[in-house]
Amino acid sequence: GMLTTDLWASSQRILIGYAISVGVGTVVGLAIGTFVSVESFFEAQIGFLRYIPASALTPLFLLWLGIGESPKIWLIVVGTVFYNVLMVADVARAVPRELLHASYTLGAGRWTVLRRVILRHSVPGIIDVARINLAAAWLMLVVAELLAAQEGLAFQIVRAQRFRAVDTMFALLIVFGVIGLVSDVALRWLRNVSAPWARS
């Protein structure tokens, strides 16, 4: 009878944290993949930060942000944003050079090319990046809820473990799998609708 409450609590954390991660990843990733100067500026910092395990930052987040929703959301952001940035940058670099040269030849400016050529061509790739890294977002959520939560799917798994309720634990694992499958199908549909030419 508590599944709805726990599902909503976990889903809210994912929606907020992962939306921030995808938004930042898209903006910074497109900039890195498009402008050499931006890539040179961010390359060393991102290369350093992405090797710090996000789960190791959990005690710091709890110390700085308390035990409310903020540390859980920021753990999701930090645990996924660097991968989103790097993968979106690769998507932007994959835009055919012929399209860029043709755009500049026809008189388009740099920002016009970024908005109307690079961004539009990268949309299906960005959605695929979001699909791939969504699993990491759920992993970060589980870490956060294991340490400090009063509701949520992972919290209920820990609670079930205390009472040796193995059937409940497996049921919750199935719920995680169903959520992942539904999310994947929804993002595939979004990609096909937003970029029909990129269907696979």
N, C-alpha and C. Protein backbone atom coordinates (compact mmCIF):
# COMPACT_ATOMS: atom_id res chain seq x y z
N GLY A 1 0.79 -1.21 0.00
CA GLY A 1 0.00 0.00 0.00
C GLY A 1 0.83 1.27 0.00
N MET A 2 2.17 1.13 0.17
CA MET A 2 3.04 2.30 0.20
C MET A 2 3.81 2.48 -1.11
N LEU A 3 3.56 1.61 -2.07
CA LEU A 3 4.34 1.65 -3.30
C LEU A 3 4.17 2.99 -4.03
N THR A 4 2.95 3.48 -4.09
CA THR A 4 2.70 4.74 -4.80
C THR A 4 3.49 5.89 -4.20
N THR A 5 3.49 5.98 -2.89
CA THR A 5 4.23 7.06 -2.20
C THR A 5 5.72 6.95 -2.45
N ASP A 6 6.25 5.73 -2.32
CA ASP A 6 7.69 5.54 -2.51
C ASP A 6 8.09 5.76 -3.97
N LEU A 7 7.26 5.29 -4.89
CA LEU A 7 7.55 5.48 -6.31
C LEU A 7 7.56 6.96 -6.67
N TRP A 8 6.61 7.72 -6.14
CA TRP A 8 6.55 9.15 -6.42
C TRP A 8 7.75 9.87 -5.83
N ALA A 9 8.15 9.49 -4.61
CA ALA A 9 9.30 10.13 -3.96
C ALA A 9 10.58 9.91 -4.77
N SER A 10 10.80 8.68 -5.20
CA SER A 10 12.00 8.37 -6.00
C SER A 10 11.94 9.04 -7.37
N SER A 11 10.77 9.02 -7.98
CA SER A 11 10.63 9.60 -9.32
C SER A 11 10.85 11.10 -9.30
N GLN A 12 10.38 11.77 -8.26
CA GLN A 12 10.61 13.22 -8.14
C GLN A 12 12.09 13.54 -8.08
N ARG A 13 12.83 12.77 -7.30
CA ARG A 13 14.27 13.01 -7.18
C ARG A 13 14.96 12.80 -8.52
N ILE A 14 14.56 11.78 -9.24
CA ILE A 14 15.16 11.51 -10.55
C ILE A 14 14.79 12.62 -11.53
N LEU A 15 13.51 13.00 -11.57
CA LEU A 15 13.07 14.01 -12.53
C LEU A 15 13.81 15.32 -12.34
N ILE A 16 13.96 15.76 -11.09
CA ILE A 16 14.62 17.03 -10.83
C ILE A 16 16.13 16.92 -11.06
N GLY A 17 16.76 15.94 -10.43
CA GLY A 17 18.22 15.81 -10.53
C GLY A 17 18.68 15.51 -11.94
N TYR A 18 18.01 14.59 -12.61
CA TYR A 18 18.47 14.21 -13.94
C TYR A 18 18.14 15.28 -14.98
N ALA A 19 17.05 16.01 -14.77
CA ALA A 19 16.74 17.13 -15.67
C ALA A 19 17.85 18.19 -15.61
N ILE A 20 18.32 18.49 -14.40
CA ILE A 20 19.44 19.43 -14.25
C ILE A 20 20.67 18.89 -14.96
N SER A 21 20.96 17.61 -14.75
CA SER A 21 22.14 16.99 -15.35
C SER A 21 22.08 17.03 -16.87
N VAL A 22 20.93 16.67 -17.45
CA VAL A 22 20.80 16.66 -18.90
C VAL A 22 20.88 18.08 -19.46
N GLY A 23 20.26 19.04 -18.76
CA GLY A 23 20.31 20.42 -19.21
C GLY A 23 21.74 20.96 -19.25
N VAL A 24 22.45 20.78 -18.14
CA VAL A 24 23.85 21.23 -18.08
C VAL A 24 24.70 20.46 -19.08
N GLY A 25 24.50 19.15 -19.15
CA GLY A 25 25.27 18.32 -20.07
C GLY A 25 25.08 18.72 -21.51
N THR A 26 23.85 19.08 -21.87
CA THR A 26 23.57 19.48 -23.25
C THR A 26 24.24 20.80 -23.60
N VAL A 27 24.08 21.80 -22.73
CA VAL A 27 24.66 23.12 -23.01
C VAL A 27 26.18 23.06 -23.05
N VAL A 28 26.78 22.50 -22.00
CA VAL A 28 28.25 22.45 -21.93
C VAL A 28 28.81 21.50 -22.98
N GLY A 29 28.15 20.37 -23.19
CA GLY A 29 28.62 19.40 -24.17
C GLY A 29 28.61 19.94 -25.59
N LEU A 30 27.54 20.64 -25.96
CA LEU A 30 27.48 21.26 -27.29
C LEU A 30 28.58 22.32 -27.44
N ALA A 31 28.81 23.08 -26.38
CA ALA A 31 29.86 24.11 -26.44
C ALA A 31 31.24 23.48 -26.61
N ILE A 32 31.49 22.40 -25.87
CA ILE A 32 32.79 21.73 -25.96
C ILE A 32 32.97 21.10 -27.33
N GLY A 33 31.91 20.47 -27.84
CA GLY A 33 32.01 19.80 -29.14
C GLY A 33 32.06 20.75 -30.31
N THR A 34 31.72 22.02 -30.09
CA THR A 34 31.65 22.99 -31.19
C THR A 34 32.83 23.95 -31.18
N PHE A 35 33.22 24.42 -30.00
CA PHE A 35 34.26 25.45 -29.91
C PHE A 35 35.53 24.88 -29.29
N VAL A 36 36.63 24.99 -30.01
CA VAL A 36 37.90 24.46 -29.52
C VAL A 36 38.34 25.17 -28.25
N SER A 37 38.09 26.46 -28.16
CA SER A 37 38.50 27.21 -26.97
C SER A 37 37.78 26.72 -25.72
N VAL A 38 36.47 26.42 -25.86
CA VAL A 38 35.71 25.91 -24.72
C VAL A 38 36.22 24.53 -24.33
N GLU A 39 36.52 23.71 -25.33
CA GLU A 39 37.06 22.37 -25.04
C GLU A 39 38.37 22.47 -24.28
N SER A 40 39.24 23.37 -24.71
CA SER A 40 40.53 23.53 -24.03
C SER A 40 40.36 23.99 -22.60
N PHE A 41 39.36 24.83 -22.35
CA PHE A 41 39.14 25.36 -21.00
C PHE A 41 38.59 24.29 -20.06
N PHE A 42 37.63 23.47 -20.54
CA PHE A 42 36.94 22.53 -19.67
C PHE A 42 37.58 21.13 -19.63
N GLU A 43 38.43 20.82 -20.59
CA GLU A 43 38.93 19.44 -20.72
C GLU A 43 39.61 18.94 -19.46
N ALA A 44 40.52 19.72 -18.90
CA ALA A 44 41.27 19.28 -17.73
C ALA A 44 40.36 19.15 -16.51
N GLN A 45 39.46 20.12 -16.29
CA GLN A 45 38.58 20.07 -15.13
C GLN A 45 37.65 18.86 -15.17
N ILE A 46 37.02 18.64 -16.32
CA ILE A 46 36.10 17.52 -16.43
C ILE A 46 36.85 16.20 -16.34
N GLY A 47 38.04 16.14 -16.95
CA GLY A 47 38.84 14.93 -16.85
C GLY A 47 39.20 14.59 -15.42
N PHE A 48 39.40 15.61 -14.59
CA PHE A 48 39.71 15.39 -13.18
C PHE A 48 38.46 14.99 -12.38
N LEU A 49 37.39 15.75 -12.56
CA LEU A 49 36.19 15.56 -11.74
C LEU A 49 35.47 14.26 -12.04
N ARG A 50 35.48 13.80 -13.28
CA ARG A 50 34.68 12.61 -13.60
C ARG A 50 35.27 11.33 -13.01
N TYR A 51 36.53 11.39 -12.54
CA TYR A 51 37.12 10.21 -11.93
C TYR A 51 36.93 10.17 -10.41
N ILE A 52 36.30 11.20 -9.86
CA ILE A 52 35.97 11.18 -8.44
C ILE A 52 34.63 10.46 -8.28
N PRO A 53 34.59 9.32 -7.57
CA PRO A 53 33.31 8.60 -7.42
C PRO A 53 32.27 9.48 -6.74
N ALA A 54 31.13 9.65 -7.40
CA ALA A 54 30.09 10.51 -6.84
C ALA A 54 29.60 9.98 -5.50
N SER A 55 29.55 8.66 -5.35
CA SER A 55 29.08 8.08 -4.09
C SER A 55 29.98 8.45 -2.93
N ALA A 56 31.27 8.71 -3.21
CA ALA A 56 32.20 9.11 -2.15
C ALA A 56 31.90 10.51 -1.64
N LEU A 57 31.13 11.28 -2.40
CA LEU A 57 30.78 12.63 -1.98
C LEU A 57 29.55 12.67 -1.08
N THR A 58 28.88 11.53 -0.91
CA THR A 58 27.65 11.50 -0.13
C THR A 58 27.84 12.07 1.28
N PRO A 59 28.89 11.68 2.04
CA PRO A 59 29.05 12.27 3.38
C PRO A 59 29.19 13.79 3.36
N LEU A 60 29.88 14.32 2.33
CA LEU A 60 30.02 15.78 2.23
C LEU A 60 28.68 16.45 1.95
N PHE A 61 27.91 15.85 1.05
CA PHE A 61 26.59 16.42 0.74
C PHE A 61 25.70 16.41 1.97
N LEU A 62 25.75 15.32 2.73
CA LEU A 62 24.94 15.24 3.95
C LEU A 62 25.39 16.27 4.97
N LEU A 63 26.71 16.50 5.04
CA LEU A 63 27.25 17.48 5.99
C LEU A 63 26.89 18.90 5.59
N TRP A 64 27.00 19.20 4.30
CA TRP A 64 26.76 20.56 3.82
C TRP A 64 25.27 20.88 3.62
N LEU A 65 24.50 19.89 3.17
CA LEU A 65 23.12 20.15 2.75
C LEU A 65 22.07 19.54 3.67
N GLY A 66 22.50 18.79 4.69
CA GLY A 66 21.55 18.17 5.60
C GLY A 66 21.02 16.86 5.06
N ILE A 67 19.90 16.40 5.62
CA ILE A 67 19.37 15.10 5.25
C ILE A 67 18.05 15.22 4.48
N GLY A 68 17.80 16.39 3.92
CA GLY A 68 16.58 16.60 3.14
C GLY A 68 16.72 16.09 1.72
N GLU A 69 16.04 16.73 0.80
CA GLU A 69 16.05 16.30 -0.60
C GLU A 69 17.29 16.80 -1.35
N SER A 70 17.87 17.91 -0.92
CA SER A 70 18.98 18.51 -1.66
C SER A 70 20.16 17.57 -1.88
N PRO A 71 20.68 16.88 -0.85
CA PRO A 71 21.83 16.00 -1.11
C PRO A 71 21.51 14.86 -2.07
N LYS A 72 20.29 14.35 -2.05
CA LYS A 72 19.91 13.27 -2.96
C LYS A 72 19.91 13.76 -4.40
N ILE A 73 19.34 14.95 -4.60
CA ILE A 73 19.27 15.51 -5.95
C ILE A 73 20.66 15.84 -6.47
N TRP A 74 21.49 16.44 -5.63
CA TRP A 74 22.83 16.81 -6.08
C TRP A 74 23.71 15.59 -6.32
N LEU A 75 23.47 14.52 -5.61
CA LEU A 75 24.22 13.29 -5.87
C LEU A 75 23.88 12.76 -7.26
N ILE A 76 22.62 12.84 -7.64
CA ILE A 76 22.21 12.42 -8.99
C ILE A 76 22.86 13.32 -10.04
N VAL A 77 22.87 14.62 -9.78
CA VAL A 77 23.47 15.56 -10.73
C VAL A 77 24.95 15.27 -10.92
N VAL A 78 25.68 15.22 -9.82
CA VAL A 78 27.14 15.03 -9.88
C VAL A 78 27.49 13.65 -10.45
N GLY A 79 26.66 12.65 -10.16
CA GLY A 79 26.95 11.29 -10.62
C GLY A 79 26.73 11.07 -12.10
N THR A 80 26.04 12.00 -12.78
CA THR A 80 25.72 11.79 -14.20
C THR A 80 26.15 12.93 -15.11
N VAL A 81 26.34 14.13 -14.58
CA VAL A 81 26.51 15.29 -15.45
C VAL A 81 27.78 15.22 -16.28
N PHE A 82 28.88 14.70 -15.74
CA PHE A 82 30.13 14.69 -16.49
C PHE A 82 30.06 13.71 -17.66
N TYR A 83 29.38 12.59 -17.47
CA TYR A 83 29.20 11.65 -18.57
C TYR A 83 28.29 12.24 -19.64
N ASN A 84 27.26 12.95 -19.21
CA ASN A 84 26.39 13.61 -20.18
C ASN A 84 27.17 14.65 -20.99
N VAL A 85 28.00 15.43 -20.32
CA VAL A 85 28.78 16.45 -21.01
C VAL A 85 29.68 15.82 -22.07
N LEU A 86 30.45 14.81 -21.69
CA LEU A 86 31.41 14.21 -22.61
C LEU A 86 30.72 13.51 -23.78
N MET A 87 29.62 12.83 -23.50
CA MET A 87 28.93 12.11 -24.57
C MET A 87 28.20 13.05 -25.52
N VAL A 88 27.62 14.13 -24.99
CA VAL A 88 26.99 15.13 -25.86
C VAL A 88 28.06 15.84 -26.70
N ALA A 89 29.22 16.07 -26.14
CA ALA A 89 30.32 16.68 -26.92
C ALA A 89 30.69 15.79 -28.10
N ASP A 90 30.74 14.48 -27.89
CA ASP A 90 31.03 13.56 -28.99
C ASP A 90 29.92 13.59 -30.04
N VAL A 91 28.67 13.73 -29.59
CA VAL A 91 27.56 13.85 -30.53
C VAL A 91 27.71 15.10 -31.39
N ALA A 92 28.08 16.21 -30.77
CA ALA A 92 28.25 17.46 -31.52
C ALA A 92 29.40 17.36 -32.51
N ARG A 93 30.48 16.67 -32.13
CA ARG A 93 31.61 16.51 -33.04
C ARG A 93 31.26 15.64 -34.24
N ALA A 94 30.22 14.82 -34.11
CA ALA A 94 29.84 13.90 -35.19
C ALA A 94 28.99 14.56 -36.27
N VAL A 95 28.65 15.83 -36.10
CA VAL A 95 27.88 16.53 -37.14
C VAL A 95 28.74 16.58 -38.41
N PRO A 96 28.19 16.16 -39.55
CA PRO A 96 28.99 16.13 -40.79
C PRO A 96 29.60 17.50 -41.12
N ARG A 97 30.88 17.49 -41.45
CA ARG A 97 31.56 18.73 -41.79
C ARG A 97 30.93 19.40 -43.02
N GLU A 98 30.38 18.56 -43.92
CA GLU A 98 29.78 19.13 -45.13
C GLU A 98 28.62 20.07 -44.80
N LEU A 99 27.83 19.69 -43.79
CA LEU A 99 26.71 20.56 -43.39
C LEU A 99 27.21 21.89 -42.86
N LEU A 100 28.28 21.84 -42.07
CA LEU A 100 28.82 23.08 -41.50
C LEU A 100 29.40 23.97 -42.59
N HIS A 101 30.18 23.36 -43.49
CA HIS A 101 30.78 24.15 -44.56
C HIS A 101 29.71 24.78 -45.45
N ALA A 102 28.69 24.00 -45.76
CA ALA A 102 27.60 24.52 -46.60
C ALA A 102 26.89 25.68 -45.91
N SER A 103 26.67 25.56 -44.60
CA SER A 103 25.99 26.63 -43.85
C SER A 103 26.80 27.91 -43.86
N TYR A 104 28.10 27.79 -43.60
CA TYR A 104 28.94 28.99 -43.60
C TYR A 104 29.03 29.59 -45.00
N THR A 105 29.08 28.72 -46.01
CA THR A 105 29.15 29.22 -47.39
C THR A 105 27.92 30.01 -47.77
N LEU A 106 26.76 29.59 -47.23
CA LEU A 106 25.50 30.27 -47.53
C LEU A 106 25.29 31.51 -46.67
N GLY A 107 26.26 31.83 -45.81
CA GLY A 107 26.20 33.09 -45.07
C GLY A 107 25.73 32.99 -43.64
N ALA A 108 25.55 31.80 -43.10
CA ALA A 108 25.10 31.65 -41.72
C ALA A 108 26.23 32.02 -40.76
N GLY A 109 25.86 32.66 -39.66
CA GLY A 109 26.84 32.98 -38.63
C GLY A 109 27.07 31.80 -37.70
N ARG A 110 28.05 31.96 -36.81
CA ARG A 110 28.41 30.86 -35.92
C ARG A 110 27.26 30.43 -35.03
N TRP A 111 26.55 31.40 -34.43
CA TRP A 111 25.46 31.05 -33.52
C TRP A 111 24.27 30.46 -34.27
N THR A 112 24.06 30.93 -35.49
CA THR A 112 22.99 30.35 -36.31
C THR A 112 23.30 28.91 -36.65
N VAL A 113 24.54 28.63 -36.99
CA VAL A 113 24.95 27.25 -37.28
C VAL A 113 24.79 26.38 -36.04
N LEU A 114 25.18 26.92 -34.89
CA LEU A 114 25.05 26.16 -33.65
C LEU A 114 23.59 25.82 -33.36
N ARG A 115 22.72 26.81 -33.54
CA ARG A 115 21.31 26.61 -33.19
C ARG A 115 20.54 25.79 -34.22
N ARG A 116 20.78 26.07 -35.50
CA ARG A 116 19.94 25.49 -36.54
C ARG A 116 20.55 24.28 -37.24
N VAL A 117 21.84 24.06 -37.06
CA VAL A 117 22.48 22.91 -37.70
C VAL A 117 22.98 21.91 -36.66
N ILE A 118 23.90 22.36 -35.80
CA ILE A 118 24.51 21.44 -34.84
C ILE A 118 23.49 20.92 -33.84
N LEU A 119 22.70 21.83 -33.25
CA LEU A 119 21.72 21.41 -32.24
C LEU A 119 20.68 20.49 -32.85
N ARG A 120 20.12 20.86 -33.99
CA ARG A 120 19.08 20.03 -34.58
C ARG A 120 19.61 18.67 -35.00
N HIS A 121 20.82 18.64 -35.56
CA HIS A 121 21.40 17.36 -35.96
C HIS A 121 21.73 16.50 -34.75
N SER A 122 21.99 17.14 -33.60
CA SER A 122 22.41 16.40 -32.40
C SER A 122 21.25 15.92 -31.55
N VAL A 123 20.02 16.36 -31.83
CA VAL A 123 18.88 16.02 -30.98
C VAL A 123 18.74 14.51 -30.74
N PRO A 124 18.72 13.66 -31.79
CA PRO A 124 18.59 12.22 -31.51
C PRO A 124 19.74 11.66 -30.69
N GLY A 125 20.95 12.15 -30.93
CA GLY A 125 22.09 11.69 -30.15
C GLY A 125 22.00 12.11 -28.70
N ILE A 126 21.51 13.32 -28.44
CA ILE A 126 21.35 13.81 -27.07
C ILE A 126 20.32 12.95 -26.32
N ILE A 127 19.23 12.62 -26.99
CA ILE A 127 18.21 11.78 -26.36
C ILE A 127 18.77 10.39 -26.07
N ASP A 128 19.58 9.85 -26.98
CA ASP A 128 20.21 8.55 -26.72
C ASP A 128 21.17 8.62 -25.53
N VAL A 129 21.89 9.72 -25.41
CA VAL A 129 22.77 9.92 -24.25
C VAL A 129 21.95 9.92 -22.96
N ALA A 130 20.80 10.61 -22.99
CA ALA A 130 19.93 10.64 -21.81
C ALA A 130 19.43 9.23 -21.48
N ARG A 131 19.11 8.44 -22.49
CA ARG A 131 18.67 7.06 -22.27
C ARG A 131 19.75 6.23 -21.59
N ILE A 132 20.96 6.36 -22.09
CA ILE A 132 22.06 5.53 -21.59
C ILE A 132 22.40 5.86 -20.14
N ASN A 133 22.48 7.15 -19.84
CA ASN A 133 22.93 7.57 -18.50
C ASN A 133 21.81 7.62 -17.46
N LEU A 134 20.57 7.37 -17.90
CA LEU A 134 19.47 7.34 -16.93
C LEU A 134 19.68 6.22 -15.91
N ALA A 135 20.27 5.11 -16.34
CA ALA A 135 20.55 4.01 -15.41
C ALA A 135 21.51 4.46 -14.30
N ALA A 136 22.49 5.29 -14.66
CA ALA A 136 23.42 5.81 -13.65
C ALA A 136 22.71 6.72 -12.68
N ALA A 137 21.71 7.45 -13.16
CA ALA A 137 20.94 8.33 -12.27
C ALA A 137 20.19 7.51 -11.23
N TRP A 138 19.59 6.40 -11.63
CA TRP A 138 18.91 5.54 -10.67
C TRP A 138 19.90 4.91 -9.69
N LEU A 139 21.09 4.59 -10.17
CA LEU A 139 22.11 4.05 -9.27
C LEU A 139 22.47 5.07 -8.20
N MET A 140 22.65 6.33 -8.58
CA MET A 140 22.96 7.37 -7.61
C MET A 140 21.80 7.58 -6.63
N LEU A 141 20.58 7.45 -7.14
CA LEU A 141 19.42 7.58 -6.25
C LEU A 141 19.42 6.48 -5.20
N VAL A 142 19.72 5.26 -5.62
CA VAL A 142 19.75 4.15 -4.67
C VAL A 142 20.79 4.41 -3.58
N VAL A 143 21.97 4.89 -3.97
CA VAL A 143 23.01 5.21 -2.99
C VAL A 143 22.50 6.25 -2.00
N ALA A 144 21.84 7.28 -2.50
CA ALA A 144 21.35 8.35 -1.63
C ALA A 144 20.28 7.84 -0.68
N GLU A 145 19.35 7.05 -1.19
CA GLU A 145 18.25 6.57 -0.34
C GLU A 145 18.70 5.51 0.65
N LEU A 146 19.78 4.82 0.35
CA LEU A 146 20.29 3.85 1.32
C LEU A 146 20.86 4.53 2.55
N LEU A 147 21.35 5.76 2.38
CA LEU A 147 22.01 6.44 3.48
C LEU A 147 21.09 7.37 4.26
N ALA A 148 20.23 8.07 3.57
CA ALA A 148 19.42 9.07 4.27
C ALA A 148 18.10 9.27 3.55
N ALA A 149 17.09 8.51 3.94
CA ALA A 149 15.75 8.68 3.36
C ALA A 149 14.73 8.06 4.30
N GLN A 150 13.53 8.57 4.24
CA GLN A 150 12.42 8.02 4.99
C GLN A 150 11.35 7.44 4.08
N GLU A 151 11.54 7.63 2.77
CA GLU A 151 10.65 7.05 1.78
C GLU A 151 11.39 6.95 0.46
N GLY A 152 10.92 6.04 -0.38
CA GLY A 152 11.59 5.79 -1.65
C GLY A 152 11.74 4.31 -1.89
N LEU A 153 11.96 3.92 -3.13
CA LEU A 153 12.04 2.49 -3.47
C LEU A 153 13.25 1.82 -2.83
N ALA A 154 14.42 2.48 -2.91
CA ALA A 154 15.62 1.89 -2.30
C ALA A 154 15.49 1.82 -0.78
N PHE A 155 14.88 2.83 -0.19
CA PHE A 155 14.65 2.81 1.26
C PHE A 155 13.80 1.60 1.65
N GLN A 156 12.80 1.29 0.85
CA GLN A 156 11.94 0.13 1.14
C GLN A 156 12.70 -1.19 0.99
N ILE A 157 13.68 -1.23 0.08
CA ILE A 157 14.50 -2.44 -0.04
C ILE A 157 15.30 -2.67 1.23
N VAL A 158 15.89 -1.60 1.76
CA VAL A 158 16.65 -1.72 3.02
C VAL A 158 15.72 -2.14 4.16
N ARG A 159 14.55 -1.55 4.18
CA ARG A 159 13.59 -1.90 5.22
C ARG A 159 13.19 -3.36 5.12
N ALA A 160 12.98 -3.84 3.90
CA ALA A 160 12.62 -5.24 3.69
C ALA A 160 13.76 -6.17 4.12
N GLN A 161 15.00 -5.72 3.90
CA GLN A 161 16.14 -6.53 4.31
C GLN A 161 16.16 -6.74 5.83
N ARG A 162 15.82 -5.71 6.58
CA ARG A 162 15.84 -5.82 8.04
C ARG A 162 14.87 -6.88 8.54
N PHE A 163 13.76 -7.04 7.82
CA PHE A 163 12.75 -8.01 8.23
C PHE A 163 12.83 -9.31 7.41
N ARG A 164 13.92 -9.45 6.66
CA ARG A 164 14.15 -10.64 5.83
C ARG A 164 12.97 -10.91 4.89
N ALA A 165 12.38 -9.84 4.38
CA ALA A 165 11.25 -9.97 3.45
C ALA A 165 11.80 -10.05 2.03
N VAL A 166 12.30 -11.24 1.69
CA VAL A 166 12.94 -11.43 0.39
C VAL A 166 11.96 -11.22 -0.76
N ASP A 167 10.70 -11.63 -0.56
CA ASP A 167 9.71 -11.46 -1.62
C ASP A 167 9.49 -9.98 -1.94
N THR A 168 9.47 -9.15 -0.89
CA THR A 168 9.31 -7.71 -1.10
C THR A 168 10.52 -7.12 -1.82
N MET A 169 11.71 -7.59 -1.47
CA MET A 169 12.92 -7.10 -2.12
C MET A 169 12.90 -7.42 -3.62
N PHE A 170 12.52 -8.64 -3.97
CA PHE A 170 12.45 -9.00 -5.39
C PHE A 170 11.36 -8.21 -6.11
N ALA A 171 10.25 -7.98 -5.42
CA ALA A 171 9.17 -7.20 -6.03
C ALA A 171 9.64 -5.79 -6.36
N LEU A 172 10.40 -5.18 -5.44
CA LEU A 172 10.91 -3.83 -5.67
C LEU A 172 11.95 -3.81 -6.78
N LEU A 173 12.76 -4.87 -6.88
CA LEU A 173 13.72 -4.95 -7.99
C LEU A 173 13.00 -5.04 -9.33
N ILE A 174 11.89 -5.77 -9.35
CA ILE A 174 11.08 -5.84 -10.58
C ILE A 174 10.52 -4.47 -10.93
N VAL A 175 10.11 -3.72 -9.89
CA VAL A 175 9.60 -2.35 -10.13
C VAL A 175 10.69 -1.49 -10.77
N PHE A 176 11.92 -1.59 -10.27
CA PHE A 176 13.03 -0.85 -10.88
C PHE A 176 13.18 -1.23 -12.35
N GLY A 177 13.12 -2.52 -12.64
CA GLY A 177 13.27 -2.97 -14.02
C GLY A 177 12.17 -2.44 -14.92
N VAL A 178 10.94 -2.47 -14.42
CA VAL A 178 9.80 -1.97 -15.21
C VAL A 178 9.94 -0.48 -15.47
N ILE A 179 10.36 0.28 -14.45
CA ILE A 179 10.57 1.72 -14.63
C ILE A 179 11.62 1.97 -15.71
N GLY A 180 12.71 1.23 -15.64
CA GLY A 180 13.77 1.40 -16.64
C GLY A 180 13.29 1.09 -18.04
N LEU A 181 12.52 0.00 -18.18
CA LEU A 181 12.01 -0.38 -19.50
C LEU A 181 11.05 0.67 -20.05
N VAL A 182 10.14 1.15 -19.20
CA VAL A 182 9.18 2.17 -19.64
C VAL A 182 9.91 3.46 -20.02
N SER A 183 10.91 3.85 -19.22
CA SER A 183 11.67 5.07 -19.52
C SER A 183 12.40 4.94 -20.85
N ASP A 184 12.98 3.78 -21.09
CA ASP A 184 13.72 3.56 -22.33
C ASP A 184 12.79 3.64 -23.54
N VAL A 185 11.63 3.01 -23.45
CA VAL A 185 10.66 3.05 -24.55
C VAL A 185 10.17 4.48 -24.78
N ALA A 186 9.93 5.23 -23.70
CA ALA A 186 9.45 6.61 -23.83
C ALA A 186 10.50 7.49 -24.50
N LEU A 187 11.77 7.32 -24.14
CA LEU A 187 12.81 8.14 -24.75
C LEU A 187 13.05 7.75 -26.21
N ARG A 188 12.91 6.45 -26.52
CA ARG A 188 13.00 6.03 -27.92
C ARG A 188 11.89 6.69 -28.74
N TRP A 189 10.68 6.71 -28.17
CA TRP A 189 9.56 7.34 -28.87
C TRP A 189 9.81 8.83 -29.07
N LEU A 190 10.35 9.49 -28.04
CA LEU A 190 10.65 10.91 -28.15
C LEU A 190 11.68 11.16 -29.24
N ARG A 191 12.69 10.31 -29.31
CA ARG A 191 13.71 10.46 -30.36
C ARG A 191 13.11 10.31 -31.75
N ASN A 192 12.26 9.30 -31.92
CA ASN A 192 11.66 9.06 -33.23
C ASN A 192 10.72 10.17 -33.64
N VAL A 193 10.02 10.75 -32.66
CA VAL A 193 9.09 11.84 -32.98
C VAL A 193 9.84 13.13 -33.28
N SER A 194 10.87 13.42 -32.50
CA SER A 194 11.60 14.68 -32.67
C SER A 194 12.55 14.65 -33.86
N ALA A 195 13.01 13.47 -34.25
CA ALA A 195 13.94 13.34 -35.38
C ALA A 195 13.61 12.09 -36.18
N PRO A 196 12.53 12.13 -36.99
CA PRO A 196 12.13 10.93 -37.75
C PRO A 196 13.21 10.41 -38.68
N TRP A 197 14.09 11.29 -39.13
CA TRP A 197 15.15 10.89 -40.05
C TRP A 197 16.22 10.03 -39.38
N ALA A 198 16.20 9.98 -38.06
CA ALA A 198 17.23 9.23 -37.33
C ALA A 198 16.71 7.92 -36.77
N ARG A 199 15.55 7.48 -37.22
CA ARG A 199 14.98 6.25 -36.68
C ARG A 199 15.87 5.06 -36.99
N SER A 200 15.91 4.12 -36.01
CA SER A 200 16.68 2.89 -36.19
C SER A 200 15.89 1.70 -35.71
